[in-house]
């Protein structure tokens, strides 16, 4: 899942093979913009090696922070740690955080 800077920070199901900047999260729940363009899986590998994982956006505060930080990205989309289960068809955070915000705020 990506945050779309061109659509006012709304989330978008973007092809995972498209390189984009990404947000990593640290143990203290801070999110960090990484200004490297990587596929979703490459971004996840990078975050797991250098931080904790791809970022979870669990509050409106996180959403606004991510939106403003994404202005410095090297791409129009920024990867987040939300993934679609091919088995159940539902979305989940890769770090197993609860889904958080109501989707109507983010789509």
PDB file of N, CA and C in Angstrom:
ATOM      1  N   UNK A   1       0.857  -1.167   0.000  1.00  0.00           N
ATOM      2  CA  UNK A   1       0.000   0.000   0.000  1.00  0.00           C
ATOM      3  C   UNK A   1       0.900   1.225   0.000  1.00  0.00           C
ATOM      4  N   UNK A   2       0.469   2.236  -0.715  1.00  0.00           N
ATOM      5  CA  UNK A   2       1.274   3.453  -0.768  1.00  0.00           C
ATOM      6  C   UNK A   2       0.445   4.666  -0.386  1.00  0.00           C
ATOM      7  N   UNK A   3       1.140   5.683   0.066  1.00  0.00           N
ATOM      8  CA  UNK A   3       0.547   6.984   0.317  1.00  0.00           C
ATOM      9  C   UNK A   3       0.791   7.795  -0.952  1.00  0.00           C
ATOM     10  N   UNK A   4      -0.267   8.367  -1.522  1.00  0.00           N
ATOM     11  CA  UNK A   4      -0.196   9.071  -2.800  1.00  0.00           C
ATOM     12  C   UNK A   4      -0.118  10.569  -2.561  1.00  0.00           C
ATOM     13  N   UNK A   5       1.052  11.141  -2.767  1.00  0.00           N
ATOM     14  CA  UNK A   5       1.265  12.571  -2.554  1.00  0.00           C
ATOM     15  C   UNK A   5       0.406  13.400  -3.509  1.00  0.00           C
ATOM     16  N   UNK A   6       0.200  12.921  -4.727  1.00  0.00           N
ATOM     17  CA  UNK A   6      -0.559  13.674  -5.721  1.00  0.00           C
ATOM     18  C   UNK A   6      -2.061  13.682  -5.436  1.00  0.00           C
ATOM     19  N   UNK A   7      -2.522  12.772  -4.608  1.00  0.00           N
ATOM     20  CA  UNK A   7      -3.940  12.681  -4.257  1.00  0.00           C
ATOM     21  C   UNK A   7      -4.197  13.160  -2.830  1.00  0.00           C
ATOM     22  N   UNK A   8      -3.379  14.069  -2.337  1.00  0.00           N
ATOM     23  CA  UNK A   8      -3.602  14.651  -1.014  1.00  0.00           C
ATOM     24  C   UNK A   8      -3.326  13.726   0.139  1.00  0.00           C
ATOM     25  N   UNK A   9      -2.443  12.751  -0.058  1.00  0.00           N
ATOM     26  CA  UNK A   9      -2.080  11.856   1.034  1.00  0.00           C
ATOM     27  C   UNK A   9      -2.982  10.656   1.183  1.00  0.00           C
ATOM     28  N   UNK A  10      -3.882  10.426   0.230  1.00  0.00           N
ATOM     29  CA  UNK A  10      -4.745   9.241   0.311  1.00  0.00           C
ATOM     30  C   UNK A  10      -3.926   7.996   0.030  1.00  0.00           C
ATOM     31  N   UNK A  11      -4.408   6.885   0.541  1.00  0.00           N
ATOM     32  CA  UNK A  11      -3.727   5.622   0.339  1.00  0.00           C
ATOM     33  C   UNK A  11      -4.196   5.013  -0.971  1.00  0.00           C
ATOM     34  N   UNK A  12      -3.293   4.295  -1.599  1.00  0.00           N
ATOM     35  CA  UNK A  12      -3.612   3.717  -2.897  1.00  0.00           C
ATOM     36  C   UNK A  12      -2.949   2.346  -3.022  1.00  0.00           C
ATOM     37  N   UNK A  13      -3.685   1.427  -3.592  1.00  0.00           N
ATOM     38  CA  UNK A  13      -3.145   0.101  -3.881  1.00  0.00           C
ATOM     39  C   UNK A  13      -2.361   0.225  -5.187  1.00  0.00           C
ATOM     40  N   UNK A  14      -1.075   0.384  -5.072  1.00  0.00           N
ATOM     41  CA  UNK A  14      -0.183   0.643  -6.199  1.00  0.00           C
ATOM     42  C   UNK A  14       0.622  -0.612  -6.481  1.00  0.00           C
ATOM     43  N   UNK A  15       0.966  -0.917  -7.736  1.00  0.00           N
ATOM     44  CA  UNK A  15       1.723  -2.153  -8.032  1.00  0.00           C
ATOM     45  C   UNK A  15       3.028  -2.236  -7.230  1.00  0.00           C
ATOM     46  N   UNK A  16       3.209  -3.315  -6.528  1.00  0.00           N
ATOM     47  CA  UNK A  16       4.364  -3.487  -5.625  1.00  0.00           C
ATOM     48  C   UNK A  16       5.700  -3.527  -6.350  1.00  0.00           C
ATOM     49  N   UNK A  17       5.687  -3.710  -7.656  1.00  0.00           N
ATOM     50  CA  UNK A  17       6.947  -3.772  -8.408  1.00  0.00           C
ATOM     51  C   UNK A  17       7.419  -2.382  -8.845  1.00  0.00           C
ATOM     52  N   UNK A  18       6.597  -1.346  -8.611  1.00  0.00           N
ATOM     53  CA  UNK A  18       6.982   0.019  -8.956  1.00  0.00           C
ATOM     54  C   UNK A  18       7.886   0.582  -7.865  1.00  0.00           C
ATOM     55  N   UNK A  19       9.073   1.038  -8.198  1.00  0.00           N
ATOM     56  CA  UNK A  19       9.949   1.632  -7.185  1.00  0.00           C
ATOM     57  C   UNK A  19       9.367   2.938  -6.619  1.00  0.00           C
ATOM     58  N   UNK A  20       9.528   3.127  -5.329  1.00  0.00           N
ATOM     59  CA  UNK A  20       9.063   4.343  -4.657  1.00  0.00           C
ATOM     60  C   UNK A  20       9.857   4.529  -3.374  1.00  0.00           C
ATOM     61  N   UNK A  21       9.848   5.760  -2.857  1.00  0.00           N
ATOM     62  CA  UNK A  21      10.391   6.010  -1.517  1.00  0.00           C
ATOM     63  C   UNK A  21       9.498   5.282  -0.517  1.00  0.00           C
ATOM     64  N   UNK A  22       9.899   5.227   0.752  1.00  0.00           N
ATOM     65  CA  UNK A  22       9.113   4.460   1.715  1.00  0.00           C
ATOM     66  C   UNK A  22       9.339   4.963   3.130  1.00  0.00           C
ATOM     67  N   UNK A  23       8.405   4.601   4.003  1.00  0.00           N
ATOM     68  CA  UNK A  23       8.504   4.917   5.423  1.00  0.00           C
ATOM     69  C   UNK A  23       8.854   3.666   6.204  1.00  0.00           C
ATOM     70  N   UNK A  24       9.848   3.795   7.072  1.00  0.00           N
ATOM     71  CA  UNK A  24      10.191   2.732   8.016  1.00  0.00           C
ATOM     72  C   UNK A  24       9.763   3.177   9.407  1.00  0.00           C
ATOM     73  N   UNK A  25       9.490   2.226  10.262  1.00  0.00           N
ATOM     74  CA  UNK A  25       9.187   2.547  11.650  1.00  0.00           C
ATOM     75  C   UNK A  25      10.285   1.992  12.541  1.00  0.00           C
ATOM     76  N   UNK A  26      10.463   2.679  13.645  1.00  0.00           N
ATOM     77  CA  UNK A  26      11.442   2.262  14.647  1.00  0.00           C
ATOM     78  C   UNK A  26      10.685   1.768  15.875  1.00  0.00           C
ATOM     79  N   UNK A  27      11.396   1.208  16.813  1.00  0.00           N
ATOM     80  CA  UNK A  27      10.746   0.662  18.011  1.00  0.00           C
ATOM     81  C   UNK A  27       9.984   1.710  18.794  1.00  0.00           C
ATOM     82  N   UNK A  28      10.440   2.951  18.748  1.00  0.00           N
ATOM     83  CA  UNK A  28       9.745   4.000  19.501  1.00  0.00           C
ATOM     84  C   UNK A  28       8.563   4.595  18.736  1.00  0.00           C
ATOM     85  N   UNK A  29       8.107   3.891  17.671  1.00  0.00           N
ATOM     86  CA  UNK A  29       6.950   4.254  16.861  1.00  0.00           C
ATOM     87  C   UNK A  29       7.151   5.521  16.036  1.00  0.00           C
ATOM     88  N   UNK A  30       8.379   5.960  15.855  1.00  0.00           N
ATOM     89  CA  UNK A  30       8.640   7.060  14.943  1.00  0.00           C
ATOM     90  C   UNK A  30       8.675   6.509  13.529  1.00  0.00           C
ATOM     91  N   UNK A  31       8.259   7.333  12.578  1.00  0.00           N
ATOM     92  CA  UNK A  31       8.378   6.907  11.185  1.00  0.00           C
ATOM     93  C   UNK A  31       9.434   7.764  10.507  1.00  0.00           C
ATOM     94  N   UNK A  32      10.194   7.125   9.632  1.00  0.00           N
ATOM     95  CA  UNK A  32      11.303   7.773   8.944  1.00  0.00           C
ATOM     96  C   UNK A  32      11.122   7.590   7.447  1.00  0.00           C
ATOM     97  N   UNK A  33      11.194   8.697   6.713  1.00  0.00           N
ATOM     98  CA  UNK A  33      11.139   8.631   5.267  1.00  0.00           C
ATOM     99  C   UNK A  33      12.501   8.214   4.734  1.00  0.00           C
ATOM    100  N   UNK A  34      12.528   7.188   3.923  1.00  0.00           N
ATOM    101  CA  UNK A  34      13.755   6.748   3.260  1.00  0.00           C
ATOM    102  C   UNK A  34      13.632   7.175   1.797  1.00  0.00           C
ATOM    103  N   UNK A  35      14.551   8.017   1.363  1.00  0.00           N
ATOM    104  CA  UNK A  35      14.468   8.627   0.039  1.00  0.00           C
ATOM    105  C   UNK A  35      15.173   7.795  -1.039  1.00  0.00           C
ATOM    106  N   UNK A  36      15.032   6.507  -0.941  1.00  0.00           N
ATOM    107  CA  UNK A  36      15.529   5.583  -1.956  1.00  0.00           C
ATOM    108  C   UNK A  36      14.312   5.008  -2.665  1.00  0.00           C
ATOM    109  N   UNK A  37      14.378   4.830  -3.946  1.00  0.00           N
ATOM    110  CA  UNK A  37      13.268   4.225  -4.672  1.00  0.00           C
ATOM    111  C   UNK A  37      13.482   2.719  -4.759  1.00  0.00           C
ATOM    112  N   UNK A  38      12.558   1.986  -4.140  1.00  0.00           N
ATOM    113  CA  UNK A  38      12.628   0.531  -4.086  1.00  0.00           C
ATOM    114  C   UNK A  38      11.239  -0.055  -4.340  1.00  0.00           C
ATOM    115  N   UNK A  39      11.185  -1.316  -4.761  1.00  0.00           N
ATOM    116  CA  UNK A  39       9.903  -2.003  -4.831  1.00  0.00           C
ATOM    117  C   UNK A  39       9.408  -2.191  -3.397  1.00  0.00           C
ATOM    118  N   UNK A  40       8.143  -2.624  -3.250  1.00  0.00           N
ATOM    119  CA  UNK A  40       7.602  -2.794  -1.903  1.00  0.00           C
ATOM    120  C   UNK A  40       8.430  -3.812  -1.120  1.00  0.00           C
ATOM    121  N   UNK A  41       8.749  -4.946  -1.730  1.00  0.00           N
ATOM    122  CA  UNK A  41       9.508  -5.985  -1.022  1.00  0.00           C
ATOM    123  C   UNK A  41      10.928  -5.535  -0.705  1.00  0.00           C
ATOM    124  N   UNK A  42      11.577  -4.812  -1.612  1.00  0.00           N
ATOM    125  CA  UNK A  42      12.916  -4.278  -1.337  1.00  0.00           C
ATOM    126  C   UNK A  42      12.856  -3.264  -0.192  1.00  0.00           C
ATOM    127  N   UNK A  43      11.796  -2.468  -0.180  1.00  0.00           N
ATOM    128  CA  UNK A  43      11.619  -1.493   0.908  1.00  0.00           C
ATOM    129  C   UNK A  43      11.440  -2.217   2.243  1.00  0.00           C
ATOM    130  N   UNK A  44      10.648  -3.279   2.244  1.00  0.00           N
ATOM    131  CA  UNK A  44      10.462  -4.041   3.478  1.00  0.00           C
ATOM    132  C   UNK A  44      11.781  -4.646   3.951  1.00  0.00           C
ATOM    133  N   UNK A  45      12.556  -5.210   3.048  1.00  0.00           N
ATOM    134  CA  UNK A  45      13.864  -5.773   3.417  1.00  0.00           C
ATOM    135  C   UNK A  45      14.769  -4.693   4.012  1.00  0.00           C
ATOM    136  N   UNK A  46      14.794  -3.515   3.383  1.00  0.00           N
ATOM    137  CA  UNK A  46      15.620  -2.413   3.875  1.00  0.00           C
ATOM    138  C   UNK A  46      15.184  -2.017   5.292  1.00  0.00           C
ATOM    139  N   UNK A  47      13.882  -1.838   5.482  1.00  0.00           N
ATOM    140  CA  UNK A  47      13.387  -1.438   6.806  1.00  0.00           C
ATOM    141  C   UNK A  47      13.709  -2.478   7.873  1.00  0.00           C
ATOM    142  N   UNK A  48      13.548  -3.730   7.540  1.00  0.00           N
ATOM    143  CA  UNK A  48      13.832  -4.788   8.518  1.00  0.00           C
ATOM    144  C   UNK A  48      15.318  -4.882   8.831  1.00  0.00           C
ATOM    145  N   UNK A  49      16.177  -4.484   7.904  1.00  0.00           N
ATOM    146  CA  UNK A  49      17.623  -4.507   8.140  1.00  0.00           C
ATOM    147  C   UNK A  49      18.121  -3.280   8.893  1.00  0.00           C
ATOM    148  N   UNK A  50      17.511  -2.125   8.640  1.00  0.00           N
ATOM    149  CA  UNK A  50      18.014  -0.868   9.189  1.00  0.00           C
ATOM    150  C   UNK A  50      17.129  -0.218  10.246  1.00  0.00           C
ATOM    151  N   UNK A  51      15.886  -0.636  10.360  1.00  0.00           N
ATOM    152  CA  UNK A  51      14.934  -0.071  11.327  1.00  0.00           C
ATOM    153  C   UNK A  51      14.187  -1.236  11.963  1.00  0.00           C
ATOM    154  N   UNK A  52      12.861  -1.174  11.986  1.00  0.00           N
ATOM    155  CA  UNK A  52      12.066  -2.277  12.497  1.00  0.00           C
ATOM    156  C   UNK A  52      11.291  -2.953  11.370  1.00  0.00           C
ATOM    157  N   UNK A  53      10.515  -2.165  10.638  1.00  0.00           N
ATOM    158  CA  UNK A  53       9.710  -2.698   9.536  1.00  0.00           C
ATOM    159  C   UNK A  53       9.181  -1.523   8.735  1.00  0.00           C
ATOM    160  N   UNK A  54       8.424  -1.796   7.670  1.00  0.00           N
ATOM    161  CA  UNK A  54       7.715  -0.726   6.992  1.00  0.00           C
ATOM    162  C   UNK A  54       6.726  -0.124   7.985  1.00  0.00           C
ATOM    163  N   UNK A  55       6.445   1.147   7.840  1.00  0.00           N
ATOM    164  CA  UNK A  55       5.658   1.883   8.834  1.00  0.00           C
ATOM    165  C   UNK A  55       4.177   1.518   8.816  1.00  0.00           C
ATOM    166  N   UNK A  56       3.596   1.517  10.006  1.00  0.00           N
ATOM    167  CA  UNK A  56       2.155   1.418  10.200  1.00  0.00           C
ATOM    168  C   UNK A  56       1.639   2.813  10.509  1.00  0.00           C
ATOM    169  N   UNK A  57       0.528   3.183   9.921  1.00  0.00           N
ATOM    170  CA  UNK A  57      -0.096   4.481  10.170  1.00  0.00           C
ATOM    171  C   UNK A  57      -1.357   4.202  10.976  1.00  0.00           C
ATOM    172  N   UNK A  58      -1.307   4.499  12.276  1.00  0.00           N
ATOM    173  CA  UNK A  58      -2.380   4.081  13.176  1.00  0.00           C
ATOM    174  C   UNK A  58      -3.223   5.221  13.724  1.00  0.00           C
ATOM    175  N   UNK A  59      -2.842   6.447  13.440  1.00  0.00           N
ATOM    176  CA  UNK A  59      -3.593   7.584  13.975  1.00  0.00           C
ATOM    177  C   UNK A  59      -3.634   8.699  12.940  1.00  0.00           C
ATOM    178  N   UNK A  60      -4.528   9.654  13.163  1.00  0.00           N
ATOM    179  CA  UNK A  60      -4.569  10.816  12.274  1.00  0.00           C
ATOM    180  C   UNK A  60      -3.256  11.587  12.356  1.00  0.00           C
ATOM    181  N   UNK A  61      -2.670  11.635  13.523  1.00  0.00           N
ATOM    182  CA  UNK A  61      -1.376  12.315  13.688  1.00  0.00           C
ATOM    183  C   UNK A  61      -0.310  11.669  12.802  1.00  0.00           C
ATOM    184  N   UNK A  62      -0.238  10.334  12.818  1.00  0.00           N
ATOM    185  CA  UNK A  62       0.696   9.615  11.948  1.00  0.00           C
ATOM    186  C   UNK A  62       0.409   9.917  10.480  1.00  0.00           C
ATOM    187  N   UNK A  63      -0.879   9.951  10.125  1.00  0.00           N
ATOM    188  CA  UNK A  63      -1.268  10.196   8.738  1.00  0.00           C
ATOM    189  C   UNK A  63      -0.797  11.574   8.275  1.00  0.00           C
ATOM    190  N   UNK A  64      -1.034  12.610   9.084  1.00  0.00           N
ATOM    191  CA  UNK A  64      -0.605  13.955   8.705  1.00  0.00           C
ATOM    192  C   UNK A  64       0.914  14.062   8.646  1.00  0.00           C
ATOM    193  N   UNK A  65       1.577  13.445   9.603  1.00  0.00           N
ATOM    194  CA  UNK A  65       3.045  13.449   9.607  1.00  0.00           C
ATOM    195  C   UNK A  65       3.583  12.788   8.338  1.00  0.00           C
ATOM    196  N   UNK A  66       3.024  11.637   7.992  1.00  0.00           N
ATOM    197  CA  UNK A  66       3.470  10.928   6.793  1.00  0.00           C
ATOM    198  C   UNK A  66       3.195  11.756   5.539  1.00  0.00           C
ATOM    199  N   UNK A  67       2.046  12.399   5.477  1.00  0.00           N
ATOM    200  CA  UNK A  67       1.715  13.218   4.314  1.00  0.00           C
ATOM    201  C   UNK A  67       2.732  14.340   4.129  1.00  0.00           C
ATOM    202  N   UNK A  68       3.029  15.063   5.201  1.00  0.00           N
ATOM    203  CA  UNK A  68       3.963  16.201   5.079  1.00  0.00           C
ATOM    204  C   UNK A  68       5.388  15.724   4.804  1.00  0.00           C
ATOM    205  N   UNK A  69       5.797  14.656   5.438  1.00  0.00           N
ATOM    206  CA  UNK A  69       7.134  14.113   5.189  1.00  0.00           C
ATOM    207  C   UNK A  69       7.276  13.593   3.757  1.00  0.00           C
ATOM    208  N   UNK A  70       6.186  13.079   3.196  1.00  0.00           N
ATOM    209  CA  UNK A  70       6.260  12.496   1.857  1.00  0.00           C
ATOM    210  C   UNK A  70       6.531  13.540   0.778  1.00  0.00           C
ATOM    211  N   UNK A  71       6.378  14.813   1.098  1.00  0.00           N
ATOM    212  CA  UNK A  71       6.700  15.864   0.128  1.00  0.00           C
ATOM    213  C   UNK A  71       8.173  15.828  -0.267  1.00  0.00           C
ATOM    214  N   UNK A  72       9.026  15.281   0.587  1.00  0.00           N
ATOM    215  CA  UNK A  72      10.461  15.193   0.306  1.00  0.00           C
ATOM    216  C   UNK A  72      10.851  13.878  -0.370  1.00  0.00           C
ATOM    217  N   UNK A  73       9.868  13.056  -0.695  1.00  0.00           N
ATOM    218  CA  UNK A  73      10.151  11.751  -1.312  1.00  0.00           C
ATOM    219  C   UNK A  73      10.680  11.929  -2.728  1.00  0.00           C
ATOM    220  N   UNK A  74      11.324  10.889  -3.218  1.00  0.00           N
ATOM    221  CA  UNK A  74      11.859  10.870  -4.572  1.00  0.00           C
ATOM    222  C   UNK A  74      10.851  10.283  -5.561  1.00  0.00           C
ATOM    223  N   UNK A  75       9.609  10.128  -5.139  1.00  0.00           N
ATOM    224  CA  UNK A  75       8.560   9.552  -5.978  1.00  0.00           C
ATOM    225  C   UNK A  75       7.216  10.148  -5.563  1.00  0.00           C
ATOM    226  N   UNK A  76       6.207   9.987  -6.401  1.00  0.00           N
ATOM    227  CA  UNK A  76       4.875  10.519  -6.076  1.00  0.00           C
ATOM    228  C   UNK A  76       4.137   9.640  -5.077  1.00  0.00           C
ATOM    229  N   UNK A  77       4.554   8.402  -4.928  1.00  0.00           N
ATOM    230  CA  UNK A  77       3.982   7.462  -3.970  1.00  0.00           C
ATOM    231  C   UNK A  77       5.057   7.085  -2.961  1.00  0.00           C
ATOM    232  N   UNK A  78       4.616   6.731  -1.761  1.00  0.00           N
ATOM    233  CA  UNK A  78       5.534   6.319  -0.692  1.00  0.00           C
ATOM    234  C   UNK A  78       4.981   5.036  -0.079  1.00  0.00           C
ATOM    235  N   UNK A  79       5.809   4.002  -0.044  1.00  0.00           N
ATOM    236  CA  UNK A  79       5.367   2.716   0.481  1.00  0.00           C
ATOM    237  C   UNK A  79       5.095   2.769   1.977  1.00  0.00           C
ATOM    238  N   UNK A  80       4.030   2.064   2.394  1.00  0.00           N
ATOM    239  CA  UNK A  80       3.670   1.849   3.798  1.00  0.00           C
ATOM    240  C   UNK A  80       3.663   0.343   4.040  1.00  0.00           C
ATOM    241  N   UNK A  81       3.536  -0.049   5.286  1.00  0.00           N
ATOM    242  CA  UNK A  81       3.574  -1.463   5.636  1.00  0.00           C
ATOM    243  C   UNK A  81       2.246  -2.179   5.621  1.00  0.00           C
ATOM    244  N   UNK A  82       1.300  -1.705   4.837  1.00  0.00           N
ATOM    245  CA  UNK A  82      -0.001  -2.362   4.730  1.00  0.00           C
ATOM    246  C   UNK A  82       0.034  -3.323   3.546  1.00  0.00           C
ATOM    247  N   UNK A  83      -0.468  -4.525   3.762  1.00  0.00           N
ATOM    248  CA  UNK A  83      -0.393  -5.552   2.716  1.00  0.00           C
ATOM    249  C   UNK A  83      -1.726  -6.274   2.610  1.00  0.00           C
ATOM    250  N   UNK A  84      -2.052  -6.690   1.401  1.00  0.00           N
ATOM    251  CA  UNK A  84      -3.282  -7.437   1.148  1.00  0.00           C
ATOM    252  C   UNK A  84      -2.997  -8.932   1.228  1.00  0.00           C
ATOM    253  N   UNK A  85      -3.771  -9.628   2.048  1.00  0.00           N
ATOM    254  CA  UNK A  85      -3.634 -11.085   2.142  1.00  0.00           C
ATOM    255  C   UNK A  85      -4.290 -11.722   0.922  1.00  0.00           C
ATOM    256  N   UNK A  86      -3.518 -12.512   0.198  1.00  0.00           N
ATOM    257  CA  UNK A  86      -4.076 -13.212  -0.952  1.00  0.00           C
ATOM    258  C   UNK A  86      -4.974 -14.373  -0.523  1.00  0.00           C
ATOM    259  N   UNK A  87      -4.846 -14.780   0.726  1.00  0.00           N
ATOM    260  CA  UNK A  87      -5.651 -15.888   1.242  1.00  0.00           C
ATOM    261  C   UNK A  87      -7.024 -15.387   1.696  1.00  0.00           C
ATOM    262  N   UNK A  88      -7.040 -14.340   2.532  1.00  0.00           N
ATOM    263  CA  UNK A  88      -8.306 -13.862   3.104  1.00  0.00           C
ATOM    264  C   UNK A  88      -8.884 -12.665   2.364  1.00  0.00           C
ATOM    265  N   UNK A  89      -8.065 -11.967   1.578  1.00  0.00           N
ATOM    266  CA  UNK A  89      -8.542 -10.778   0.877  1.00  0.00           C
ATOM    267  C   UNK A  89      -8.642  -9.546   1.766  1.00  0.00           C
ATOM    268  N   UNK A  90      -8.098  -9.629   2.970  1.00  0.00           N
ATOM    269  CA  UNK A  90      -8.158  -8.482   3.876  1.00  0.00           C
ATOM    270  C   UNK A  90      -6.774  -7.839   4.019  1.00  0.00           C
ATOM    271  N   UNK A  91      -6.773  -6.575   4.416  1.00  0.00           N
ATOM    272  CA  UNK A  91      -5.529  -5.822   4.594  1.00  0.00           C
ATOM    273  C   UNK A  91      -5.000  -6.013   6.001  1.00  0.00           C
ATOM    274  N   UNK A  92      -3.679  -6.049   6.143  1.00  0.00           N
ATOM    275  CA  UNK A  92      -3.052  -6.167   7.459  1.00  0.00           C
ATOM    276  C   UNK A  92      -1.720  -5.424   7.456  1.00  0.00           C
ATOM    277  N   UNK A  93      -1.301  -4.961   8.633  1.00  0.00           N
ATOM    278  CA  UNK A  93       0.013  -4.341   8.780  1.00  0.00           C
ATOM    279  C   UNK A  93       1.048  -5.453   8.906  1.00  0.00           C
ATOM    280  N   UNK A  94       2.158  -5.321   8.205  1.00  0.00           N
ATOM    281  CA  UNK A  94       3.171  -6.380   8.215  1.00  0.00           C
ATOM    282  C   UNK A  94       3.806  -6.574   9.584  1.00  0.00           C
ATOM    283  N   UNK A  95       3.776  -5.547  10.436  1.00  0.00           N
ATOM    284  CA  UNK A  95       4.340  -5.696  11.775  1.00  0.00           C
ATOM    285  C   UNK A  95       3.289  -6.156  12.787  1.00  0.00           C
ATOM    286  N   UNK A  96       2.113  -6.522  12.286  1.00  0.00           N
ATOM    287  CA  UNK A  96       1.006  -7.083  13.082  1.00  0.00           C
ATOM    288  C   UNK A  96       0.318  -6.063  14.001  1.00  0.00           C
ATOM    289  N   UNK A  97       0.529  -4.784  13.786  1.00  0.00           N
ATOM    290  CA  UNK A  97      -0.208  -3.757  14.531  1.00  0.00           C
ATOM    291  C   UNK A  97      -1.690  -3.869  14.157  1.00  0.00           C
ATOM    292  N   UNK A  98      -2.593  -3.463  15.090  1.00  0.00           N
ATOM    293  CA  UNK A  98      -4.007  -3.426  14.703  1.00  0.00           C
ATOM    294  C   UNK A  98      -4.208  -2.393  13.585  1.00  0.00           C
ATOM    295  N   UNK A  99      -5.235  -2.550  12.780  1.00  0.00           N
ATOM    296  CA  UNK A  99      -5.409  -1.673  11.618  1.00  0.00           C
ATOM    297  C   UNK A  99      -5.543  -0.205  11.974  1.00  0.00           C
ATOM    298  N   UNK A 100      -6.093   0.140  13.113  1.00  0.00           N
ATOM    299  CA  UNK A 100      -6.118   1.549  13.515  1.00  0.00           C
ATOM    300  C   UNK A 100      -7.247   2.343  12.900  1.00  0.00           C
ATOM    301  N   UNK A 101      -6.906   3.441  12.269  1.00  0.00           N
ATOM    302  CA  UNK A 101      -7.868   4.406  11.759  1.00  0.00           C
ATOM    303  C   UNK A 101      -8.973   3.796  10.912  1.00  0.00           C
ATOM    304  N   UNK A 102     -10.119   4.478  10.941  1.00  0.00           N
ATOM    305  CA  UNK A 102     -11.195   4.099  10.029  1.00  0.00           C
ATOM    306  C   UNK A 102     -10.781   4.395   8.600  1.00  0.00           C
ATOM    307  N   UNK A 103     -11.080   3.486   7.710  1.00  0.00           N
ATOM    308  CA  UNK A 103     -10.612   3.602   6.340  1.00  0.00           C
ATOM    309  C   UNK A 103     -11.191   4.815   5.639  1.00  0.00           C
ATOM    310  N   UNK A 104     -12.360   5.320   6.065  1.00  0.00           N
ATOM    311  CA  UNK A 104     -12.956   6.456   5.387  1.00  0.00           C
ATOM    312  C   UNK A 104     -12.078   7.709   5.489  1.00  0.00           C
ATOM    313  N   UNK A 105     -11.248   7.795   6.504  1.00  0.00           N
ATOM    314  CA  UNK A 105     -10.344   8.929   6.664  1.00  0.00           C
ATOM    315  C   UNK A 105      -9.212   8.858   5.652  1.00  0.00           C
ATOM    316  N   UNK A 106      -8.813   7.673   5.300  1.00  0.00           N
ATOM    317  CA  UNK A 106      -7.585   7.487   4.547  1.00  0.00           C
ATOM    318  C   UNK A 106      -7.770   7.259   3.063  1.00  0.00           C
ATOM    319  N   UNK A 107      -8.901   6.829   2.615  1.00  0.00           N
ATOM    320  CA  UNK A 107      -9.079   6.513   1.195  1.00  0.00           C
ATOM    321  C   UNK A 107      -9.537   7.707   0.477  1.00  0.00           C
TER     322      UNK A 107
END
